[in-house]
């Protein structure tokens, strides 16, 4: 299956706060190959209002684990954030992304710098 990799360089993974044996691109690609599902790396944060936050329907996510998500909220208010799991700018996406992007109005593509709002 074809995959598409996307990185935003604004978040650096810290070897002291991350398990780099699990929190890495190779592991994301392995999970993609194993499941056929797109992968988005997230990490818990204290201030959700500064990030795009994923909605996993309340499922607890263990480090290195992959669970389904149903959406993304960009910089939510703290009281309505679906989780505390912020996107850290690492994506392994299936080719299924292209038809979704084709349906996205051009003004939205220009308005948002993050594709997370376009794929949920």
PDB file of N, CA and C in Angstrom:
ATOM      1  N   UNK A   1       0.849  -1.176   0.000  1.00  0.00           N
ATOM      2  CA  UNK A   1       0.000   0.000   0.000  1.00  0.00           C
ATOM      3  C   UNK A   1       0.892   1.236   0.000  1.00  0.00           C
ATOM      4  N   UNK A   2       0.542   2.208  -0.833  1.00  0.00           N
ATOM      5  CA  UNK A   2       1.302   3.450  -0.879  1.00  0.00           C
ATOM      6  C   UNK A   2       1.071   4.266   0.381  1.00  0.00           C
ATOM      7  N   UNK A   3       2.125   4.933   0.826  1.00  0.00           N
ATOM      8  CA  UNK A   3       1.972   5.805   1.982  1.00  0.00           C
ATOM      9  C   UNK A   3       2.551   7.175   1.664  1.00  0.00           C
ATOM     10  N   UNK A   4       2.146   8.132   2.463  1.00  0.00           N
ATOM     11  CA  UNK A   4       2.569   9.509   2.307  1.00  0.00           C
ATOM     12  C   UNK A   4       3.046   9.988   3.667  1.00  0.00           C
ATOM     13  N   UNK A   5       4.262  10.522   3.732  1.00  0.00           N
ATOM     14  CA  UNK A   5       4.830  10.983   4.995  1.00  0.00           C
ATOM     15  C   UNK A   5       4.764  12.498   5.061  1.00  0.00           C
ATOM     16  N   UNK A   6       4.410  13.014   6.228  1.00  0.00           N
ATOM     17  CA  UNK A   6       4.340  14.459   6.430  1.00  0.00           C
ATOM     18  C   UNK A   6       4.932  14.780   7.793  1.00  0.00           C
ATOM     19  N   UNK A   7       5.808  15.768   7.824  1.00  0.00           N
ATOM     20  CA  UNK A   7       6.438  16.202   9.074  1.00  0.00           C
ATOM     21  C   UNK A   7       6.322  17.709   9.197  1.00  0.00           C
ATOM     22  N   UNK A   8       5.999  18.170  10.385  1.00  0.00           N
ATOM     23  CA  UNK A   8       6.090  19.594  10.714  1.00  0.00           C
ATOM     24  C   UNK A   8       7.238  19.697  11.708  1.00  0.00           C
ATOM     25  N   UNK A   9       8.199  20.562  11.451  1.00  0.00           N
ATOM     26  CA  UNK A   9       9.399  20.610  12.298  1.00  0.00           C
ATOM     27  C   UNK A   9       9.255  21.434  13.575  1.00  0.00           C
ATOM     28  N   UNK A  10       8.052  21.833  13.930  1.00  0.00           N
ATOM     29  CA  UNK A  10       7.904  22.713  15.093  1.00  0.00           C
ATOM     30  C   UNK A  10       7.903  21.975  16.426  1.00  0.00           C
ATOM     31  N   UNK A  11       7.884  20.640  16.412  1.00  0.00           N
ATOM     32  CA  UNK A  11       7.962  19.868  17.652  1.00  0.00           C
ATOM     33  C   UNK A  11       9.116  18.878  17.522  1.00  0.00           C
ATOM     34  N   UNK A  12      10.025  18.925  18.467  1.00  0.00           N
ATOM     35  CA  UNK A  12      11.169  18.014  18.483  1.00  0.00           C
ATOM     36  C   UNK A  12      10.935  16.979  19.577  1.00  0.00           C
ATOM     37  N   UNK A  13      11.150  15.713  19.246  1.00  0.00           N
ATOM     38  CA  UNK A  13      10.992  14.650  20.240  1.00  0.00           C
ATOM     39  C   UNK A  13      12.199  14.643  21.169  1.00  0.00           C
ATOM     40  N   UNK A  14      11.935  14.701  22.439  1.00  0.00           N
ATOM     41  CA  UNK A  14      12.964  14.764  23.470  1.00  0.00           C
ATOM     42  C   UNK A  14      13.293  13.352  23.940  1.00  0.00           C
ATOM     43  N   UNK A  15      14.555  12.957  23.811  1.00  0.00           N
ATOM     44  CA  UNK A  15      14.943  11.598  24.202  1.00  0.00           C
ATOM     45  C   UNK A  15      14.718  11.320  25.683  1.00  0.00           C
ATOM     46  N   UNK A  16      14.588  12.358  26.495  1.00  0.00           N
ATOM     47  CA  UNK A  16      14.382  12.163  27.926  1.00  0.00           C
ATOM     48  C   UNK A  16      12.905  12.056  28.284  1.00  0.00           C
ATOM     49  N   UNK A  17      12.041  12.544  27.406  1.00  0.00           N
ATOM     50  CA  UNK A  17      10.606  12.472  27.673  1.00  0.00           C
ATOM     51  C   UNK A  17       9.896  11.479  26.767  1.00  0.00           C
ATOM     52  N   UNK A  18      10.570  11.004  25.733  1.00  0.00           N
ATOM     53  CA  UNK A  18       9.979  10.064  24.786  1.00  0.00           C
ATOM     54  C   UNK A  18      10.757   8.754  24.807  1.00  0.00           C
ATOM     55  N   UNK A  19      10.073   7.685  24.466  1.00  0.00           N
ATOM     56  CA  UNK A  19      10.738   6.402  24.270  1.00  0.00           C
ATOM     57  C   UNK A  19      11.044   6.310  22.782  1.00  0.00           C
ATOM     58  N   UNK A  20      12.253   6.677  22.407  1.00  0.00           N
ATOM     59  CA  UNK A  20      12.592   6.761  20.993  1.00  0.00           C
ATOM     60  C   UNK A  20      12.619   5.405  20.297  1.00  0.00           C
ATOM     61  N   UNK A  21      12.538   4.309  21.058  1.00  0.00           N
ATOM     62  CA  UNK A  21      12.419   2.996  20.426  1.00  0.00           C
ATOM     63  C   UNK A  21      11.004   2.781  19.896  1.00  0.00           C
ATOM     64  N   UNK A  22      10.035   3.542  20.414  1.00  0.00           N
ATOM     65  CA  UNK A  22       8.646   3.437  19.969  1.00  0.00           C
ATOM     66  C   UNK A  22       8.164   4.710  19.284  1.00  0.00           C
ATOM     67  N   UNK A  23       8.657   5.848  19.719  1.00  0.00           N
ATOM     68  CA  UNK A  23       8.196   7.134  19.202  1.00  0.00           C
ATOM     69  C   UNK A  23       9.077   7.559  18.038  1.00  0.00           C
ATOM     70  N   UNK A  24       8.911   6.883  16.896  1.00  0.00           N
ATOM     71  CA  UNK A  24       9.752   7.199  15.748  1.00  0.00           C
ATOM     72  C   UNK A  24       9.040   6.837  14.451  1.00  0.00           C
ATOM     73  N   UNK A  25       9.559   7.353  13.370  1.00  0.00           N
ATOM     74  CA  UNK A  25       8.951   7.143  12.064  1.00  0.00           C
ATOM     75  C   UNK A  25       8.946   5.675  11.652  1.00  0.00           C
ATOM     76  N   UNK A  26      10.025   4.959  11.905  1.00  0.00           N
ATOM     77  CA  UNK A  26      10.082   3.546  11.518  1.00  0.00           C
ATOM     78  C   UNK A  26       8.962   2.750  12.177  1.00  0.00           C
ATOM     79  N   UNK A  27       8.693   3.033  13.447  1.00  0.00           N
ATOM     80  CA  UNK A  27       7.620   2.332  14.156  1.00  0.00           C
ATOM     81  C   UNK A  27       6.256   2.720  13.587  1.00  0.00           C
ATOM     82  N   UNK A  28       6.088   3.986  13.210  1.00  0.00           N
ATOM     83  CA  UNK A  28       4.823   4.415  12.605  1.00  0.00           C
ATOM     84  C   UNK A  28       4.598   3.715  11.269  1.00  0.00           C
ATOM     85  N   UNK A  29       5.650   3.598  10.470  1.00  0.00           N
ATOM     86  CA  UNK A  29       5.539   2.910   9.180  1.00  0.00           C
ATOM     87  C   UNK A  29       5.238   1.427   9.400  1.00  0.00           C
ATOM     88  N   UNK A  30       5.878   0.814  10.398  1.00  0.00           N
ATOM     89  CA  UNK A  30       5.601  -0.595  10.704  1.00  0.00           C
ATOM     90  C   UNK A  30       4.131  -0.787  11.053  1.00  0.00           C
ATOM     91  N   UNK A  31       3.590   0.110  11.878  1.00  0.00           N
ATOM     92  CA  UNK A  31       2.168   0.009  12.246  1.00  0.00           C
ATOM     93  C   UNK A  31       1.274   0.217  11.026  1.00  0.00           C
ATOM     94  N   UNK A  32       1.657   1.162  10.167  1.00  0.00           N
ATOM     95  CA  UNK A  32       0.898   1.393   8.940  1.00  0.00           C
ATOM     96  C   UNK A  32       0.897   0.131   8.078  1.00  0.00           C
ATOM     97  N   UNK A  33       2.071  -0.463   7.876  1.00  0.00           N
ATOM     98  CA  UNK A  33       2.170  -1.687   7.072  1.00  0.00           C
ATOM     99  C   UNK A  33       1.367  -2.830   7.688  1.00  0.00           C
ATOM    100  N   UNK A  34       1.358  -2.900   9.004  1.00  0.00           N
ATOM    101  CA  UNK A  34       0.650  -3.966   9.719  1.00  0.00           C
ATOM    102  C   UNK A  34      -0.866  -3.803   9.632  1.00  0.00           C
ATOM    103  N   UNK A  35      -1.347  -2.571   9.730  1.00  0.00           N
ATOM    104  CA  UNK A  35      -2.793  -2.332   9.817  1.00  0.00           C
ATOM    105  C   UNK A  35      -3.421  -1.756   8.556  1.00  0.00           C
ATOM    106  N   UNK A  36      -2.617  -1.070   7.734  1.00  0.00           N
ATOM    107  CA  UNK A  36      -3.173  -0.363   6.585  1.00  0.00           C
ATOM    108  C   UNK A  36      -3.829   0.955   6.959  1.00  0.00           C
ATOM    109  N   UNK A  37      -3.719   1.338   8.232  1.00  0.00           N
ATOM    110  CA  UNK A  37      -4.343   2.574   8.716  1.00  0.00           C
ATOM    111  C   UNK A  37      -3.313   3.686   8.855  1.00  0.00           C
ATOM    112  N   UNK A  38      -3.736   4.893   8.510  1.00  0.00           N
ATOM    113  CA  UNK A  38      -2.876   6.055   8.695  1.00  0.00           C
ATOM    114  C   UNK A  38      -2.490   6.186  10.162  1.00  0.00           C
ATOM    115  N   UNK A  39      -1.328   6.785  10.405  1.00  0.00           N
ATOM    116  CA  UNK A  39      -0.801   6.956  11.760  1.00  0.00           C
ATOM    117  C   UNK A  39      -0.486   8.431  11.994  1.00  0.00           C
ATOM    118  N   UNK A  40      -0.874   8.943  13.147  1.00  0.00           N
ATOM    119  CA  UNK A  40      -0.558  10.315  13.546  1.00  0.00           C
ATOM    120  C   UNK A  40       0.046  10.247  14.941  1.00  0.00           C
ATOM    121  N   UNK A  41       1.250  10.783  15.098  1.00  0.00           N
ATOM    122  CA  UNK A  41       1.903  10.740  16.409  1.00  0.00           C
ATOM    123  C   UNK A  41       1.334  11.829  17.311  1.00  0.00           C
ATOM    124  N   UNK A  42       1.046  11.444  18.552  1.00  0.00           N
ATOM    125  CA  UNK A  42       0.517  12.381  19.545  1.00  0.00           C
ATOM    126  C   UNK A  42       1.304  12.233  20.843  1.00  0.00           C
ATOM    127  N   UNK A  43       1.177  13.243  21.709  1.00  0.00           N
ATOM    128  CA  UNK A  43       1.750  13.153  23.048  1.00  0.00           C
ATOM    129  C   UNK A  43       0.846  13.902  24.012  1.00  0.00           C
ATOM    130  N   UNK A  44       0.788  13.464  25.264  1.00  0.00           N
ATOM    131  CA  UNK A  44      -0.019  14.175  26.254  1.00  0.00           C
ATOM    132  C   UNK A  44       0.579  15.554  26.536  1.00  0.00           C
ATOM    133  N   UNK A  45      -0.299  16.548  26.665  1.00  0.00           N
ATOM    134  CA  UNK A  45       0.137  17.909  27.000  1.00  0.00           C
ATOM    135  C   UNK A  45      -0.755  18.467  28.102  1.00  0.00           C
ATOM    136  N   UNK A  46      -0.228  19.412  28.842  1.00  0.00           N
ATOM    137  CA  UNK A  46      -1.000  20.048  29.912  1.00  0.00           C
ATOM    138  C   UNK A  46      -1.921  21.129  29.362  1.00  0.00           C
ATOM    139  N   UNK A  47      -1.445  21.897  28.370  1.00  0.00           N
ATOM    140  CA  UNK A  47      -2.224  23.008  27.815  1.00  0.00           C
ATOM    141  C   UNK A  47      -2.723  22.647  26.422  1.00  0.00           C
ATOM    142  N   UNK A  48      -3.925  22.098  26.340  1.00  0.00           N
ATOM    143  CA  UNK A  48      -4.481  21.671  25.052  1.00  0.00           C
ATOM    144  C   UNK A  48      -4.825  22.841  24.145  1.00  0.00           C
ATOM    145  N   UNK A  49      -4.957  24.033  24.690  1.00  0.00           N
ATOM    146  CA  UNK A  49      -5.391  25.188  23.900  1.00  0.00           C
ATOM    147  C   UNK A  49      -4.347  25.643  22.891  1.00  0.00           C
ATOM    148  N   UNK A  50      -3.155  25.106  22.951  1.00  0.00           N
ATOM    149  CA  UNK A  50      -2.080  25.517  22.052  1.00  0.00           C
ATOM    150  C   UNK A  50      -1.827  24.530  20.913  1.00  0.00           C
ATOM    151  N   UNK A  51      -2.624  23.461  20.823  1.00  0.00           N
ATOM    152  CA  UNK A  51      -2.327  22.383  19.880  1.00  0.00           C
ATOM    153  C   UNK A  51      -3.581  21.875  19.178  1.00  0.00           C
ATOM    154  N   UNK A  52      -3.358  21.097  18.107  1.00  0.00           N
ATOM    155  CA  UNK A  52      -4.407  20.267  17.555  1.00  0.00           C
ATOM    156  C   UNK A  52      -4.503  19.028  18.426  1.00  0.00           C
ATOM    157  N   UNK A  53      -5.708  18.688  18.864  1.00  0.00           N
ATOM    158  CA  UNK A  53      -5.918  17.602  19.822  1.00  0.00           C
ATOM    159  C   UNK A  53      -6.799  16.534  19.181  1.00  0.00           C
ATOM    160  N   UNK A  54      -6.436  15.264  19.356  1.00  0.00           N
ATOM    161  CA  UNK A  54      -7.191  14.177  18.737  1.00  0.00           C
ATOM    162  C   UNK A  54      -8.326  13.703  19.630  1.00  0.00           C
ATOM    163  N   UNK A  55      -9.356  13.192  18.972  1.00  0.00           N
ATOM    164  CA  UNK A  55     -10.504  12.595  19.660  1.00  0.00           C
ATOM    165  C   UNK A  55     -10.458  11.094  19.413  1.00  0.00           C
ATOM    166  N   UNK A  56     -10.178  10.347  20.458  1.00  0.00           N
ATOM    167  CA  UNK A  56     -10.133   8.878  20.395  1.00  0.00           C
ATOM    168  C   UNK A  56     -11.313   8.278  21.144  1.00  0.00           C
ATOM    169  N   UNK A  57     -12.387   9.021  21.264  1.00  0.00           N
ATOM    170  CA  UNK A  57     -13.602   8.588  21.966  1.00  0.00           C
ATOM    171  C   UNK A  57     -13.312   8.120  23.386  1.00  0.00           C
ATOM    172  N   UNK A  58     -12.384   8.788  24.052  1.00  0.00           N
ATOM    173  CA  UNK A  58     -12.101   8.476  25.443  1.00  0.00           C
ATOM    174  C   UNK A  58     -11.214   7.274  25.681  1.00  0.00           C
ATOM    175  N   UNK A  59     -10.752   6.616  24.632  1.00  0.00           N
ATOM    176  CA  UNK A  59      -9.874   5.454  24.792  1.00  0.00           C
ATOM    177  C   UNK A  59      -8.536   5.920  25.357  1.00  0.00           C
ATOM    178  N   UNK A  60      -8.072   5.251  26.398  1.00  0.00           N
ATOM    179  CA  UNK A  60      -6.765   5.559  26.980  1.00  0.00           C
ATOM    180  C   UNK A  60      -5.677   5.033  26.046  1.00  0.00           C
ATOM    181  N   UNK A  61      -4.710   5.856  25.762  1.00  0.00           N
ATOM    182  CA  UNK A  61      -3.634   5.497  24.844  1.00  0.00           C
ATOM    183  C   UNK A  61      -2.344   5.284  25.626  1.00  0.00           C
ATOM    184  N   UNK A  62      -1.836   4.062  25.603  1.00  0.00           N
ATOM    185  CA  UNK A  62      -0.566   3.755  26.263  1.00  0.00           C
ATOM    186  C   UNK A  62       0.585   4.177  25.353  1.00  0.00           C
ATOM    187  N   UNK A  63       1.750   4.512  25.917  1.00  0.00           N
ATOM    188  CA  UNK A  63       2.901   4.878  25.085  1.00  0.00           C
ATOM    189  C   UNK A  63       3.212   3.794  24.058  1.00  0.00           C
ATOM    190  N   UNK A  64       3.407   4.211  22.812  1.00  0.00           N
ATOM    191  CA  UNK A  64       3.716   3.283  21.737  1.00  0.00           C
ATOM    192  C   UNK A  64       2.522   2.568  21.149  1.00  0.00           C
ATOM    193  N   UNK A  65       1.330   2.802  21.688  1.00  0.00           N
ATOM    194  CA  UNK A  65       0.123   2.125  21.228  1.00  0.00           C
ATOM    195  C   UNK A  65      -0.535   2.918  20.105  1.00  0.00           C
ATOM    196  N   UNK A  66      -1.291   2.231  19.285  1.00  0.00           N
ATOM    197  CA  UNK A  66      -2.044   2.850  18.202  1.00  0.00           C
ATOM    198  C   UNK A  66      -3.520   2.533  18.410  1.00  0.00           C
ATOM    199  N   UNK A  67      -4.356   3.568  18.433  1.00  0.00           N
ATOM    200  CA  UNK A  67      -5.802   3.382  18.596  1.00  0.00           C
ATOM    201  C   UNK A  67      -6.529   4.222  17.550  1.00  0.00           C
ATOM    202  N   UNK A  68      -7.763   3.845  17.197  1.00  0.00           N
ATOM    203  CA  UNK A  68      -8.527   4.640  16.227  1.00  0.00           C
ATOM    204  C   UNK A  68      -8.864   6.026  16.775  1.00  0.00           C
ATOM    205  N   UNK A  69      -8.889   7.000  15.879  1.00  0.00           N
ATOM    206  CA  UNK A  69      -9.343   8.339  16.246  1.00  0.00           C
ATOM    207  C   UNK A  69     -10.497   8.716  15.338  1.00  0.00           C
ATOM    208  N   UNK A  70     -11.355   9.603  15.819  1.00  0.00           N
ATOM    209  CA  UNK A  70     -12.531   9.986  15.037  1.00  0.00           C
ATOM    210  C   UNK A  70     -12.488  11.437  14.597  1.00  0.00           C
ATOM    211  N   UNK A  71     -11.526  12.211  15.082  1.00  0.00           N
ATOM    212  CA  UNK A  71     -11.446  13.601  14.675  1.00  0.00           C
ATOM    213  C   UNK A  71     -10.318  14.337  15.353  1.00  0.00           C
ATOM    214  N   UNK A  72     -10.210  15.593  14.966  1.00  0.00           N
ATOM    215  CA  UNK A  72      -9.197  16.496  15.497  1.00  0.00           C
ATOM    216  C   UNK A  72      -9.856  17.834  15.764  1.00  0.00           C
ATOM    217  N   UNK A  73      -9.515  18.445  16.889  1.00  0.00           N
ATOM    218  CA  UNK A  73      -9.980  19.798  17.192  1.00  0.00           C
ATOM    219  C   UNK A  73      -8.736  20.672  17.296  1.00  0.00           C
ATOM    220  N   UNK A  74      -8.683  21.711  16.492  1.00  0.00           N
ATOM    221  CA  UNK A  74      -7.529  22.603  16.498  1.00  0.00           C
ATOM    222  C   UNK A  74      -7.658  23.632  17.607  1.00  0.00           C
ATOM    223  N   UNK A  75      -6.703  23.645  18.508  1.00  0.00           N
ATOM    224  CA  UNK A  75      -6.623  24.597  19.626  1.00  0.00           C
ATOM    225  C   UNK A  75      -7.960  24.761  20.351  1.00  0.00           C
ATOM    226  N   UNK A  76      -8.470  23.671  20.921  1.00  0.00           N
ATOM    227  CA  UNK A  76      -9.773  23.739  21.595  1.00  0.00           C
ATOM    228  C   UNK A  76      -9.693  24.495  22.921  1.00  0.00           C
ATOM    229  N   UNK A  77     -10.844  24.957  23.374  1.00  0.00           N
ATOM    230  CA  UNK A  77     -10.925  25.473  24.739  1.00  0.00           C
ATOM    231  C   UNK A  77     -10.731  24.273  25.664  1.00  0.00           C
ATOM    232  N   UNK A  78     -10.086  24.493  26.783  1.00  0.00           N
ATOM    233  CA  UNK A  78      -9.740  23.394  27.691  1.00  0.00           C
ATOM    234  C   UNK A  78     -10.959  22.600  28.136  1.00  0.00           C
ATOM    235  N   UNK A  79     -12.085  23.268  28.340  1.00  0.00           N
ATOM    236  CA  UNK A  79     -13.263  22.569  28.864  1.00  0.00           C
ATOM    237  C   UNK A  79     -14.002  21.738  27.820  1.00  0.00           C
ATOM    238  N   UNK A  80     -13.656  21.869  26.547  1.00  0.00           N
ATOM    239  CA  UNK A  80     -14.318  21.071  25.510  1.00  0.00           C
ATOM    240  C   UNK A  80     -13.338  20.201  24.715  1.00  0.00           C
ATOM    241  N   UNK A  81     -12.080  20.179  25.112  1.00  0.00           N
ATOM    242  CA  UNK A  81     -11.086  19.368  24.405  1.00  0.00           C
ATOM    243  C   UNK A  81     -11.452  17.891  24.515  1.00  0.00           C
ATOM    244  N   UNK A  82     -11.385  17.147  23.402  1.00  0.00           N
ATOM    245  CA  UNK A  82     -11.746  15.731  23.447  1.00  0.00           C
ATOM    246  C   UNK A  82     -10.720  14.857  24.170  1.00  0.00           C
ATOM    247  N   UNK A  83      -9.509  15.358  24.364  1.00  0.00           N
ATOM    248  CA  UNK A  83      -8.460  14.620  25.073  1.00  0.00           C
ATOM    249  C   UNK A  83      -7.338  15.601  25.403  1.00  0.00           C
ATOM    250  N   UNK A  84      -6.261  15.070  25.946  1.00  0.00           N
ATOM    251  CA  UNK A  84      -5.061  15.882  26.153  1.00  0.00           C
ATOM    252  C   UNK A  84      -3.941  15.411  25.225  1.00  0.00           C
ATOM    253  N   UNK A  85      -4.307  14.715  24.146  1.00  0.00           N
ATOM    254  CA  UNK A  85      -3.336  14.162  23.209  1.00  0.00           C
ATOM    255  C   UNK A  85      -3.136  15.112  22.038  1.00  0.00           C
ATOM    256  N   UNK A  86      -1.996  15.788  22.030  1.00  0.00           N
ATOM    257  CA  UNK A  86      -1.686  16.778  21.001  1.00  0.00           C
ATOM    258  C   UNK A  86      -0.906  16.142  19.856  1.00  0.00           C
ATOM    259  N   UNK A  87      -1.205  16.580  18.653  1.00  0.00           N
ATOM    260  CA  UNK A  87      -0.481  16.118  17.471  1.00  0.00           C
ATOM    261  C   UNK A  87       0.907  16.754  17.473  1.00  0.00           C
ATOM    262  N   UNK A  88       1.932  15.935  17.249  1.00  0.00           N
ATOM    263  CA  UNK A  88       3.301  16.444  17.266  1.00  0.00           C
ATOM    264  C   UNK A  88       3.902  16.574  15.870  1.00  0.00           C
ATOM    265  N   UNK A  89       3.068  16.539  14.849  1.00  0.00           N
ATOM    266  CA  UNK A  89       3.550  16.824  13.505  1.00  0.00           C
ATOM    267  C   UNK A  89       4.247  15.690  12.799  1.00  0.00           C
ATOM    268  N   UNK A  90       3.891  14.451  13.103  1.00  0.00           N
ATOM    269  CA  UNK A  90       4.428  13.287  12.398  1.00  0.00           C
ATOM    270  C   UNK A  90       3.244  12.485  11.881  1.00  0.00           C
ATOM    271  N   UNK A  91       3.164  12.322  10.565  1.00  0.00           N
ATOM    272  CA  UNK A  91       2.031  11.646   9.941  1.00  0.00           C
ATOM    273  C   UNK A  91       2.531  10.591   8.962  1.00  0.00           C
ATOM    274  N   UNK A  92       1.920   9.427   8.978  1.00  0.00           N
ATOM    275  CA  UNK A  92       2.074   8.415   7.937  1.00  0.00           C
ATOM    276  C   UNK A  92       0.657   8.198   7.421  1.00  0.00           C
ATOM    277  N   UNK A  93       0.406   8.653   6.207  1.00  0.00           N
ATOM    278  CA  UNK A  93      -0.956   8.681   5.678  1.00  0.00           C
ATOM    279  C   UNK A  93      -1.104   7.757   4.481  1.00  0.00           C
ATOM    280  N   UNK A  94      -2.264   7.131   4.379  1.00  0.00           N
ATOM    281  CA  UNK A  94      -2.554   6.272   3.230  1.00  0.00           C
ATOM    282  C   UNK A  94      -2.945   7.144   2.041  1.00  0.00           C
ATOM    283  N   UNK A  95      -2.992   6.531   0.882  1.00  0.00           N
ATOM    284  CA  UNK A  95      -3.405   7.249  -0.321  1.00  0.00           C
ATOM    285  C   UNK A  95      -4.858   7.699  -0.240  1.00  0.00           C
ATOM    286  N   UNK A  96      -5.607   7.197   0.741  1.00  0.00           N
ATOM    287  CA  UNK A  96      -6.996   7.632   0.927  1.00  0.00           C
ATOM    288  C   UNK A  96      -7.100   9.121   1.228  1.00  0.00           C
ATOM    289  N   UNK A  97      -5.995   9.757   1.577  1.00  0.00           N
ATOM    290  CA  UNK A  97      -6.005  11.185   1.889  1.00  0.00           C
ATOM    291  C   UNK A  97      -6.306  12.035   0.654  1.00  0.00           C
ATOM    292  N   UNK A  98      -5.894  11.583  -0.526  1.00  0.00           N
ATOM    293  CA  UNK A  98      -6.012  12.418  -1.727  1.00  0.00           C
ATOM    294  C   UNK A  98      -7.451  12.740  -2.094  1.00  0.00           C
ATOM    295  N   UNK A  99      -8.392  11.784  -2.103  1.00  0.00           N
ATOM    296  CA  UNK A  99      -9.783  12.155  -2.395  1.00  0.00           C
ATOM    297  C   UNK A  99     -10.354  13.133  -1.362  1.00  0.00           C
ATOM    298  N   UNK A 100      -9.940  12.997  -0.099  1.00  0.00           N
ATOM    299  CA  UNK A 100     -10.412  13.927   0.931  1.00  0.00           C
ATOM    300  C   UNK A 100      -9.872  15.330   0.684  1.00  0.00           C
ATOM    301  N   UNK A 101      -8.604  15.423   0.333  1.00  0.00           N
ATOM    302  CA  UNK A 101      -8.026  16.735   0.046  1.00  0.00           C
ATOM    303  C   UNK A 101      -8.638  17.349  -1.204  1.00  0.00           C
ATOM    304  N   UNK A 102      -8.996  16.514  -2.180  1.00  0.00           N
ATOM    305  CA  UNK A 102      -9.616  17.026  -3.401  1.00  0.00           C
ATOM    306  C   UNK A 102     -10.962  17.677  -3.118  1.00  0.00           C
ATOM    307  N   UNK A 103     -11.639  17.237  -2.058  1.00  0.00           N
ATOM    308  CA  UNK A 103     -12.940  17.803  -1.689  1.00  0.00           C
ATOM    309  C   UNK A 103     -12.812  19.062  -0.826  1.00  0.00           C
ATOM    310  N   UNK A 104     -11.604  19.378  -0.396  1.00  0.00           N
ATOM    311  CA  UNK A 104     -11.395  20.513   0.497  1.00  0.00           C
ATOM    312  C   UNK A 104     -11.408  21.808  -0.304  1.00  0.00           C
ATOM    313  N   UNK A 105     -12.262  22.762   0.066  1.00  0.00           N
ATOM    314  CA  UNK A 105     -12.300  24.038  -0.654  1.00  0.00           C
ATOM    315  C   UNK A 105     -10.942  24.745  -0.598  1.00  0.00           C
ATOM    316  N   UNK A 106     -10.518  25.342  -1.714  1.00  0.00           N
ATOM    317  CA  UNK A 106      -9.207  26.007  -1.754  1.00  0.00           C
ATOM    318  C   UNK A 106      -9.017  27.053  -0.662  1.00  0.00           C
ATOM    319  N   UNK A 107     -10.090  27.750  -0.289  1.00  0.00           N
ATOM    320  CA  UNK A 107      -9.932  28.776   0.750  1.00  0.00           C
ATOM    321  C   UNK A 107      -9.556  28.168   2.100  1.00  0.00           C
ATOM    322  N   UNK A 108      -9.957  26.921   2.350  1.00  0.00           N
ATOM    323  CA  UNK A 108      -9.548  26.255   3.590  1.00  0.00           C
ATOM    324  C   UNK A 108      -8.090  25.831   3.533  1.00  0.00           C
ATOM    325  N   UNK A 109      -7.653  25.402   2.371  1.00  0.00           N
ATOM    326  CA  UNK A 109      -6.258  25.005   2.225  1.00  0.00           C
ATOM    327  C   UNK A 109      -5.359  26.203   2.500  1.00  0.00           C
ATOM    328  N   UNK A 110      -5.756  27.376   2.017  1.00  0.00           N
ATOM    329  CA  UNK A 110      -4.962  28.580   2.231  1.00  0.00           C
ATOM    330  C   UNK A 110      -5.090  29.091   3.662  1.00  0.00           C
ATOM    331  N   UNK A 111      -6.232  28.867   4.298  1.00  0.00           N
ATOM    332  CA  UNK A 111      -6.489  29.411   5.632  1.00  0.00           C
ATOM    333  C   UNK A 111      -5.717  28.677   6.716  1.00  0.00           C
ATOM    334  N   UNK A 112      -5.590  27.375   6.594  1.00  0.00           N
ATOM    335  CA  UNK A 112      -4.990  26.573   7.648  1.00  0.00           C
ATOM    336  C   UNK A 112      -3.597  26.117   7.246  1.00  0.00           C
ATOM    337  N   UNK A 113      -2.676  26.228   8.169  1.00  0.00           N
ATOM    338  CA  UNK A 113      -1.321  25.764   7.888  1.00  0.00           C
ATOM    339  C   UNK A 113      -1.145  24.300   8.247  1.00  0.00           C
ATOM    340  N   UNK A 114      -2.107  23.727   8.968  1.00  0.00           N
ATOM    341  CA  UNK A 114      -1.995  22.346   9.408  1.00  0.00           C
ATOM    342  C   UNK A 114      -3.004  21.469   8.683  1.00  0.00           C
ATOM    343  N   UNK A 115      -2.558  20.335   8.110  1.00  0.00           N
ATOM    344  CA  UNK A 115      -3.491  19.451   7.426  1.00  0.00           C
ATOM    345  C   UNK A 115      -4.411  18.699   8.371  1.00  0.00           C
ATOM    346  N   UNK A 116      -4.193  18.789   9.659  1.00  0.00           N
ATOM    347  CA  UNK A 116      -5.012  18.022  10.589  1.00  0.00           C
ATOM    348  C   UNK A 116      -6.471  18.411  10.482  1.00  0.00           C
ATOM    349  N   UNK A 117      -6.746  19.663  10.169  1.00  0.00           N
ATOM    350  CA  UNK A 117      -8.126  20.087  10.054  1.00  0.00           C
ATOM    351  C   UNK A 117      -8.751  19.608   8.750  1.00  0.00           C
ATOM    352  N   UNK A 118      -7.928  19.213   7.823  1.00  0.00           N
ATOM    353  CA  UNK A 118      -8.438  18.792   6.531  1.00  0.00           C
ATOM    354  C   UNK A 118      -8.734  17.301   6.484  1.00  0.00           C
ATOM    355  N   UNK A 119      -8.193  16.521   7.410  1.00  0.00           N
ATOM    356  CA  UNK A 119      -8.333  15.075   7.293  1.00  0.00           C
ATOM    357  C   UNK A 119      -9.296  14.465   8.289  1.00  0.00           C
ATOM    358  N   UNK A 120      -9.869  15.260   9.180  1.00  0.00           N
ATOM    359  CA  UNK A 120     -10.709  14.638  10.193  1.00  0.00           C
ATOM    360  C   UNK A 120     -12.152  14.515   9.755  1.00  0.00           C
TER     361      UNK A 120
END
